[in-house]
Amino acid sequence: MEISEYIENVDENRREAFRKLFETVQENLPPGFELVMQYSMPNFVVPKSIYPNGYHCSPDEPLPFIGVAAQKQHLSLYHMGIYSKPELLDWFVTEYPKHMTTKLNMGKSCIRFSNAKNIPYALIAELVSKMTVDEWIELYEKQLKKA
């Protein structure tokens, strides 16, 4: 499935919010990341041309960084940097209430938005701009060495 097809298949009640979330990520991500379909969703990855080792779980795959998905009950932003860098997670958790009145709904790397009309796009834009390709690779490799 192509990315445009994925977006067109998002429920029409959430399609514009998804498109705006997707575009917010795409427009604010530092240079070097590449957009691909990975794990059945649009994913911004470190291309193999920059990081030939790929993802340790699937070395043939590029290193994932941020995925955007439309699930049954919510829109999701998967941010591997939040999962891997506690300072970034702490920053996001502290900033979230300054932008939203709703409770933060998130897992280890997944930020969930149940109400498509209530997404903090400015906060997401700032979040995705905070880590470069080189910073992500360095952090990723440090995490691998710990494992």
N, C-alpha and C. Protein backbone atom coordinates (compact mmCIF):
# COMPACT_ATOMS: atom_id res chain seq x y z
N MET A 1 0.84 -1.18 0.00
CA MET A 1 0.00 0.00 0.00
C MET A 1 0.89 1.24 0.00
N GLU A 2 0.51 2.20 -0.79
CA GLU A 2 1.23 3.47 -0.82
C GLU A 2 0.71 4.40 0.26
N ILE A 3 1.49 5.40 0.59
CA ILE A 3 1.13 6.33 1.66
C ILE A 3 -0.14 7.09 1.33
N SER A 4 -0.27 7.55 0.11
CA SER A 4 -1.49 8.28 -0.28
C SER A 4 -2.72 7.38 -0.14
N GLU A 5 -2.57 6.11 -0.47
CA GLU A 5 -3.67 5.16 -0.32
C GLU A 5 -3.99 4.94 1.16
N TYR A 6 -2.96 4.86 1.99
CA TYR A 6 -3.17 4.71 3.43
C TYR A 6 -4.01 5.87 3.95
N ILE A 7 -3.63 7.08 3.59
CA ILE A 7 -4.34 8.28 4.05
C ILE A 7 -5.78 8.26 3.57
N GLU A 8 -5.99 7.90 2.32
CA GLU A 8 -7.35 7.86 1.78
C GLU A 8 -8.21 6.80 2.47
N ASN A 9 -7.59 5.79 3.05
CA ASN A 9 -8.33 4.74 3.74
C ASN A 9 -8.63 5.05 5.20
N VAL A 10 -8.09 6.16 5.71
CA VAL A 10 -8.40 6.58 7.08
C VAL A 10 -9.88 6.98 7.12
N ASP A 11 -10.56 6.61 8.19
CA ASP A 11 -11.97 6.95 8.36
C ASP A 11 -12.18 8.44 8.07
N GLU A 12 -13.20 8.75 7.28
CA GLU A 12 -13.40 10.13 6.84
C GLU A 12 -13.59 11.12 8.00
N ASN A 13 -14.06 10.65 9.14
CA ASN A 13 -14.22 11.53 10.30
C ASN A 13 -12.89 11.95 10.92
N ARG A 14 -11.84 11.19 10.61
CA ARG A 14 -10.52 11.49 11.19
C ARG A 14 -9.46 11.75 10.13
N ARG A 15 -9.85 11.65 8.86
CA ARG A 15 -8.86 11.76 7.77
C ARG A 15 -8.14 13.11 7.76
N GLU A 16 -8.86 14.21 7.91
CA GLU A 16 -8.19 15.52 7.87
C GLU A 16 -7.26 15.70 9.06
N ALA A 17 -7.67 15.23 10.23
CA ALA A 17 -6.80 15.31 11.41
C ALA A 17 -5.56 14.46 11.20
N PHE A 18 -5.75 13.27 10.63
CA PHE A 18 -4.60 12.39 10.35
C PHE A 18 -3.67 13.08 9.36
N ARG A 19 -4.25 13.62 8.30
CA ARG A 19 -3.43 14.28 7.27
C ARG A 19 -2.64 15.43 7.90
N LYS A 20 -3.28 16.20 8.77
CA LYS A 20 -2.60 17.33 9.42
C LYS A 20 -1.49 16.83 10.36
N LEU A 21 -1.75 15.76 11.09
CA LEU A 21 -0.73 15.18 11.96
C LEU A 21 0.46 14.69 11.14
N PHE A 22 0.17 13.97 10.07
CA PHE A 22 1.19 13.46 9.16
C PHE A 22 2.02 14.61 8.58
N GLU A 23 1.35 15.64 8.10
CA GLU A 23 2.05 16.79 7.50
C GLU A 23 2.84 17.57 8.54
N THR A 24 2.34 17.64 9.76
CA THR A 24 3.07 18.31 10.84
C THR A 24 4.40 17.62 11.08
N VAL A 25 4.37 16.29 11.12
CA VAL A 25 5.61 15.52 11.29
C VAL A 25 6.53 15.75 10.10
N GLN A 26 5.99 15.57 8.92
CA GLN A 26 6.78 15.67 7.69
C GLN A 26 7.44 17.05 7.54
N GLU A 27 6.73 18.10 7.88
CA GLU A 27 7.23 19.46 7.68
C GLU A 27 8.21 19.91 8.76
N ASN A 28 8.21 19.26 9.91
CA ASN A 28 9.05 19.71 11.03
C ASN A 28 10.19 18.78 11.38
N LEU A 29 10.25 17.65 10.75
CA LEU A 29 11.32 16.68 10.99
C LEU A 29 12.63 17.21 10.38
N PRO A 30 13.73 17.12 11.10
CA PRO A 30 15.01 17.56 10.53
C PRO A 30 15.34 16.79 9.24
N PRO A 31 16.17 17.34 8.39
CA PRO A 31 16.52 16.69 7.12
C PRO A 31 17.22 15.34 7.34
N GLY A 32 17.06 14.47 6.35
CA GLY A 32 17.76 13.20 6.35
C GLY A 32 16.86 12.00 6.55
N PHE A 33 15.74 12.19 7.23
CA PHE A 33 14.80 11.08 7.40
C PHE A 33 14.07 10.86 6.08
N GLU A 34 13.64 9.65 5.87
CA GLU A 34 12.97 9.28 4.63
C GLU A 34 11.60 8.70 4.98
N LEU A 35 10.62 9.01 4.16
CA LEU A 35 9.26 8.50 4.36
C LEU A 35 9.07 7.21 3.60
N VAL A 36 8.65 6.16 4.31
CA VAL A 36 8.37 4.86 3.69
C VAL A 36 7.13 4.25 4.37
N MET A 37 6.57 3.25 3.73
CA MET A 37 5.56 2.44 4.41
C MET A 37 6.34 1.34 5.13
N GLN A 38 6.18 1.26 6.43
CA GLN A 38 6.87 0.27 7.24
C GLN A 38 5.94 -0.10 8.38
N TYR A 39 5.81 -1.37 8.65
CA TYR A 39 4.90 -1.85 9.71
C TYR A 39 3.47 -1.41 9.44
N SER A 40 3.09 -1.42 8.17
CA SER A 40 1.72 -1.11 7.72
C SER A 40 1.27 0.31 8.03
N MET A 41 2.21 1.23 8.13
CA MET A 41 1.87 2.64 8.38
C MET A 41 2.96 3.53 7.78
N PRO A 42 2.64 4.82 7.54
CA PRO A 42 3.69 5.74 7.12
C PRO A 42 4.72 5.88 8.24
N ASN A 43 5.97 5.74 7.87
CA ASN A 43 7.04 5.76 8.86
C ASN A 43 8.19 6.62 8.33
N PHE A 44 8.72 7.45 9.20
CA PHE A 44 9.90 8.24 8.87
C PHE A 44 11.09 7.49 9.44
N VAL A 45 12.03 7.14 8.57
CA VAL A 45 13.14 6.25 8.93
C VAL A 45 14.47 6.89 8.57
N VAL A 46 15.53 6.30 9.12
CA VAL A 46 16.88 6.63 8.69
C VAL A 46 17.17 5.69 7.52
N PRO A 47 17.33 6.23 6.32
CA PRO A 47 17.53 5.35 5.16
C PRO A 47 18.83 4.55 5.26
N LYS A 48 18.82 3.41 4.60
CA LYS A 48 20.00 2.54 4.60
C LYS A 48 21.22 3.24 3.99
N SER A 49 21.00 4.22 3.13
CA SER A 49 22.12 4.97 2.55
C SER A 49 22.87 5.76 3.63
N ILE A 50 22.19 6.11 4.71
CA ILE A 50 22.82 6.83 5.82
C ILE A 50 23.26 5.86 6.91
N TYR A 51 22.43 4.87 7.18
CA TYR A 51 22.72 3.90 8.24
C TYR A 51 22.54 2.49 7.67
N PRO A 52 23.59 1.97 7.01
CA PRO A 52 23.49 0.68 6.31
C PRO A 52 23.17 -0.51 7.22
N ASN A 53 23.47 -0.40 8.52
CA ASN A 53 23.19 -1.52 9.44
C ASN A 53 21.71 -1.82 9.55
N GLY A 54 20.88 -0.81 9.32
CA GLY A 54 19.43 -1.01 9.42
C GLY A 54 18.99 -1.26 10.85
N TYR A 55 17.77 -1.71 10.97
CA TYR A 55 17.16 -1.98 12.27
C TYR A 55 17.60 -3.33 12.78
N HIS A 56 18.11 -3.41 14.01
CA HIS A 56 18.69 -4.67 14.50
C HIS A 56 17.71 -5.84 14.47
N CYS A 57 16.41 -5.57 14.63
CA CYS A 57 15.41 -6.65 14.60
C CYS A 57 15.22 -7.19 13.18
N SER A 58 15.41 -6.32 12.20
CA SER A 58 15.27 -6.68 10.78
C SER A 58 16.31 -5.88 10.01
N PRO A 59 17.56 -6.36 9.96
CA PRO A 59 18.64 -5.58 9.34
C PRO A 59 18.40 -5.16 7.89
N ASP A 60 17.49 -5.84 7.19
CA ASP A 60 17.17 -5.43 5.82
C ASP A 60 16.30 -4.18 5.79
N GLU A 61 15.69 -3.86 6.93
CA GLU A 61 14.79 -2.71 7.04
C GLU A 61 15.57 -1.47 7.49
N PRO A 62 15.16 -0.28 7.01
CA PRO A 62 15.79 0.94 7.52
C PRO A 62 15.41 1.16 8.99
N LEU A 63 16.21 1.94 9.68
CA LEU A 63 16.00 2.22 11.09
C LEU A 63 14.78 3.12 11.29
N PRO A 64 13.73 2.62 11.96
CA PRO A 64 12.52 3.43 12.16
C PRO A 64 12.77 4.55 13.17
N PHE A 65 12.03 5.65 13.00
CA PHE A 65 12.11 6.76 13.95
C PHE A 65 10.72 7.21 14.39
N ILE A 66 9.90 7.65 13.44
CA ILE A 66 8.55 8.10 13.78
C ILE A 66 7.55 7.48 12.82
N GLY A 67 6.52 6.88 13.38
CA GLY A 67 5.42 6.34 12.60
C GLY A 67 4.14 7.08 12.94
N VAL A 68 3.25 7.18 11.96
CA VAL A 68 1.96 7.82 12.16
C VAL A 68 0.90 6.82 11.70
N ALA A 69 -0.08 6.54 12.58
CA ALA A 69 -1.06 5.51 12.26
C ALA A 69 -2.47 5.93 12.66
N ALA A 70 -3.42 5.41 11.92
CA ALA A 70 -4.83 5.57 12.27
C ALA A 70 -5.30 4.20 12.77
N GLN A 71 -5.58 4.13 14.05
CA GLN A 71 -6.06 2.90 14.66
C GLN A 71 -7.59 2.97 14.76
N LYS A 72 -8.22 1.91 15.26
CA LYS A 72 -9.68 1.90 15.38
C LYS A 72 -10.19 3.02 16.27
N GLN A 73 -9.57 3.22 17.42
CA GLN A 73 -10.08 4.15 18.41
C GLN A 73 -9.32 5.47 18.51
N HIS A 74 -8.21 5.58 17.81
CA HIS A 74 -7.38 6.78 17.97
C HIS A 74 -6.39 6.94 16.81
N LEU A 75 -5.80 8.12 16.75
CA LEU A 75 -4.66 8.36 15.88
C LEU A 75 -3.42 8.21 16.74
N SER A 76 -2.37 7.66 16.18
CA SER A 76 -1.15 7.38 16.95
C SER A 76 0.08 8.00 16.31
N LEU A 77 0.96 8.44 17.18
CA LEU A 77 2.28 8.89 16.78
C LEU A 77 3.27 8.03 17.54
N TYR A 78 4.06 7.24 16.81
CA TYR A 78 5.09 6.40 17.43
C TYR A 78 6.42 7.13 17.28
N HIS A 79 7.00 7.51 18.40
CA HIS A 79 8.25 8.29 18.39
C HIS A 79 9.31 7.51 19.16
N MET A 80 10.24 6.91 18.44
CA MET A 80 11.26 6.08 19.08
C MET A 80 12.22 6.91 19.94
N GLY A 81 12.35 8.19 19.64
CA GLY A 81 13.21 9.05 20.45
C GLY A 81 12.67 9.24 21.86
N ILE A 82 11.36 9.35 21.99
CA ILE A 82 10.74 9.47 23.32
C ILE A 82 10.99 8.20 24.13
N TYR A 83 10.93 7.08 23.45
CA TYR A 83 11.16 5.78 24.10
C TYR A 83 12.61 5.65 24.57
N SER A 84 13.53 6.23 23.82
CA SER A 84 14.96 6.02 24.06
C SER A 84 15.66 7.12 24.84
N LYS A 85 15.05 8.28 24.94
CA LYS A 85 15.72 9.41 25.59
C LYS A 85 14.82 9.97 26.70
N PRO A 86 15.09 9.60 27.95
CA PRO A 86 14.24 10.05 29.06
C PRO A 86 14.06 11.56 29.15
N GLU A 87 15.09 12.32 28.81
CA GLU A 87 14.98 13.79 28.87
C GLU A 87 13.92 14.30 27.88
N LEU A 88 13.85 13.68 26.72
CA LEU A 88 12.86 14.07 25.73
C LEU A 88 11.45 13.70 26.21
N LEU A 89 11.32 12.54 26.77
CA LEU A 89 10.04 12.11 27.34
C LEU A 89 9.62 13.08 28.45
N ASP A 90 10.52 13.40 29.35
CA ASP A 90 10.21 14.32 30.45
C ASP A 90 9.77 15.68 29.91
N TRP A 91 10.47 16.18 28.91
CA TRP A 91 10.10 17.45 28.29
C TRP A 91 8.68 17.38 27.75
N PHE A 92 8.38 16.32 27.00
CA PHE A 92 7.07 16.19 26.38
C PHE A 92 5.96 16.11 27.43
N VAL A 93 6.16 15.30 28.46
CA VAL A 93 5.16 15.13 29.51
C VAL A 93 4.93 16.46 30.25
N THR A 94 5.97 17.24 30.43
CA THR A 94 5.86 18.54 31.09
C THR A 94 5.14 19.55 30.19
N GLU A 95 5.43 19.52 28.90
CA GLU A 95 4.84 20.48 27.96
C GLU A 95 3.39 20.17 27.61
N TYR A 96 3.03 18.91 27.61
CA TYR A 96 1.70 18.50 27.15
C TYR A 96 0.56 19.28 27.84
N PRO A 97 0.55 19.39 29.17
CA PRO A 97 -0.56 20.12 29.82
C PRO A 97 -0.61 21.61 29.48
N LYS A 98 0.48 22.15 28.98
CA LYS A 98 0.49 23.56 28.58
C LYS A 98 -0.25 23.76 27.26
N HIS A 99 -0.47 22.66 26.52
CA HIS A 99 -1.12 22.70 25.21
C HIS A 99 -2.51 22.06 25.22
N MET A 100 -2.73 21.20 26.20
CA MET A 100 -3.96 20.38 26.19
C MET A 100 -4.63 20.38 27.56
N THR A 101 -5.95 20.23 27.56
CA THR A 101 -6.68 20.08 28.82
C THR A 101 -6.99 18.61 29.09
N THR A 102 -6.80 17.77 28.09
CA THR A 102 -7.07 16.34 28.25
C THR A 102 -5.85 15.63 28.83
N LYS A 103 -6.11 14.49 29.42
CA LYS A 103 -5.03 13.67 29.99
C LYS A 103 -4.19 13.06 28.86
N LEU A 104 -2.89 13.04 29.06
CA LEU A 104 -1.98 12.43 28.10
C LEU A 104 -2.22 10.92 28.07
N ASN A 105 -2.39 10.38 26.87
CA ASN A 105 -2.60 8.95 26.67
C ASN A 105 -1.42 8.43 25.86
N MET A 106 -0.51 7.74 26.54
CA MET A 106 0.65 7.25 25.81
C MET A 106 1.21 5.97 26.40
N GLY A 107 1.90 5.22 25.54
CA GLY A 107 2.64 4.04 25.94
C GLY A 107 4.12 4.38 25.89
N LYS A 108 4.97 3.37 25.72
CA LYS A 108 6.42 3.60 25.74
C LYS A 108 6.89 4.54 24.62
N SER A 109 6.39 4.32 23.42
CA SER A 109 6.78 5.20 22.31
C SER A 109 5.56 5.77 21.59
N CYS A 110 4.38 5.39 22.01
CA CYS A 110 3.15 5.72 21.30
C CYS A 110 2.37 6.80 22.03
N ILE A 111 2.06 7.87 21.30
CA ILE A 111 1.19 8.92 21.81
C ILE A 111 -0.13 8.74 21.09
N ARG A 112 -1.22 8.58 21.86
CA ARG A 112 -2.53 8.31 21.28
C ARG A 112 -3.44 9.52 21.40
N PHE A 113 -4.14 9.82 20.31
CA PHE A 113 -5.11 10.91 20.28
C PHE A 113 -6.48 10.33 19.97
N SER A 114 -7.32 10.23 21.00
CA SER A 114 -8.65 9.64 20.83
C SER A 114 -9.62 10.61 20.17
N ASN A 115 -9.43 11.90 20.41
CA ASN A 115 -10.29 12.91 19.82
C ASN A 115 -9.54 13.60 18.69
N ALA A 116 -9.95 13.31 17.47
CA ALA A 116 -9.25 13.85 16.30
C ALA A 116 -9.35 15.37 16.21
N LYS A 117 -10.28 15.96 16.95
CA LYS A 117 -10.43 17.42 16.93
C LYS A 117 -9.57 18.09 17.99
N ASN A 118 -8.82 17.28 18.72
CA ASN A 118 -8.07 17.82 19.86
C ASN A 118 -6.64 17.25 19.85
N ILE A 119 -5.85 17.74 18.91
CA ILE A 119 -4.46 17.29 18.76
C ILE A 119 -3.55 18.50 18.87
N PRO A 120 -2.50 18.43 19.71
CA PRO A 120 -1.61 19.59 19.89
C PRO A 120 -0.54 19.66 18.78
N TYR A 121 -0.96 20.13 17.61
CA TYR A 121 -0.07 20.13 16.45
C TYR A 121 1.21 20.93 16.69
N ALA A 122 1.11 22.07 17.35
CA ALA A 122 2.32 22.88 17.61
C ALA A 122 3.30 22.13 18.51
N LEU A 123 2.78 21.43 19.49
CA LEU A 123 3.64 20.63 20.38
C LEU A 123 4.28 19.47 19.61
N ILE A 124 3.51 18.82 18.76
CA ILE A 124 4.04 17.72 17.95
C ILE A 124 5.13 18.26 17.01
N ALA A 125 4.89 19.42 16.42
CA ALA A 125 5.89 20.03 15.54
C ALA A 125 7.20 20.25 16.29
N GLU A 126 7.10 20.76 17.50
CA GLU A 126 8.30 21.00 18.30
C GLU A 126 8.98 19.68 18.68
N LEU A 127 8.18 18.71 19.07
CA LEU A 127 8.73 17.40 19.46
C LEU A 127 9.52 16.77 18.32
N VAL A 128 8.94 16.72 17.14
CA VAL A 128 9.62 16.02 16.05
C VAL A 128 10.84 16.77 15.53
N SER A 129 10.95 18.05 15.86
CA SER A 129 12.10 18.83 15.40
C SER A 129 13.31 18.68 16.32
N LYS A 130 13.14 18.02 17.45
CA LYS A 130 14.17 18.00 18.50
C LYS A 130 15.28 16.97 18.32
N MET A 131 15.20 16.09 17.33
CA MET A 131 16.24 15.08 17.18
C MET A 131 16.62 14.92 15.71
N THR A 132 17.91 15.08 15.43
CA THR A 132 18.40 14.92 14.06
C THR A 132 18.67 13.44 13.77
N VAL A 133 18.90 13.16 12.51
CA VAL A 133 19.26 11.79 12.10
C VAL A 133 20.50 11.33 12.86
N ASP A 134 21.52 12.17 12.91
CA ASP A 134 22.77 11.78 13.59
C ASP A 134 22.54 11.54 15.08
N GLU A 135 21.74 12.39 15.71
CA GLU A 135 21.44 12.20 17.14
C GLU A 135 20.67 10.90 17.37
N TRP A 136 19.73 10.59 16.48
CA TRP A 136 18.96 9.36 16.62
C TRP A 136 19.86 8.13 16.44
N ILE A 137 20.73 8.15 15.47
CA ILE A 137 21.65 7.02 15.25
C ILE A 137 22.54 6.84 16.48
N GLU A 138 23.10 7.92 16.99
CA GLU A 138 23.97 7.85 18.17
C GLU A 138 23.21 7.27 19.37
N LEU A 139 22.02 7.75 19.61
CA LEU A 139 21.21 7.26 20.71
C LEU A 139 20.84 5.80 20.52
N TYR A 140 20.45 5.45 19.31
CA TYR A 140 20.09 4.08 18.98
C TYR A 140 21.27 3.13 19.24
N GLU A 141 22.45 3.51 18.79
CA GLU A 141 23.62 2.65 18.99
C GLU A 141 23.98 2.51 20.46
N LYS A 142 23.81 3.57 21.25
CA LYS A 142 24.05 3.48 22.70
C LYS A 142 23.07 2.47 23.33
N GLN A 143 21.83 2.51 22.89
CA GLN A 143 20.82 1.60 23.42
C GLN A 143 21.16 0.15 23.04
N LEU A 144 21.67 -0.05 21.84
CA LEU A 144 22.05 -1.40 21.40
C LEU A 144 23.17 -1.96 22.26
N LYS A 145 24.13 -1.11 22.60
CA LYS A 145 25.27 -1.56 23.40
C LYS A 145 24.84 -1.96 24.81
N LYS A 146 23.77 -1.35 25.33
CA LYS A 146 23.26 -1.68 26.66
C LYS A 146 22.57 -3.04 26.67
N ALA A 147 22.02 -3.41 25.53
CA ALA A 147 21.22 -4.65 25.44
C ALA A 147 22.04 -5.90 25.53
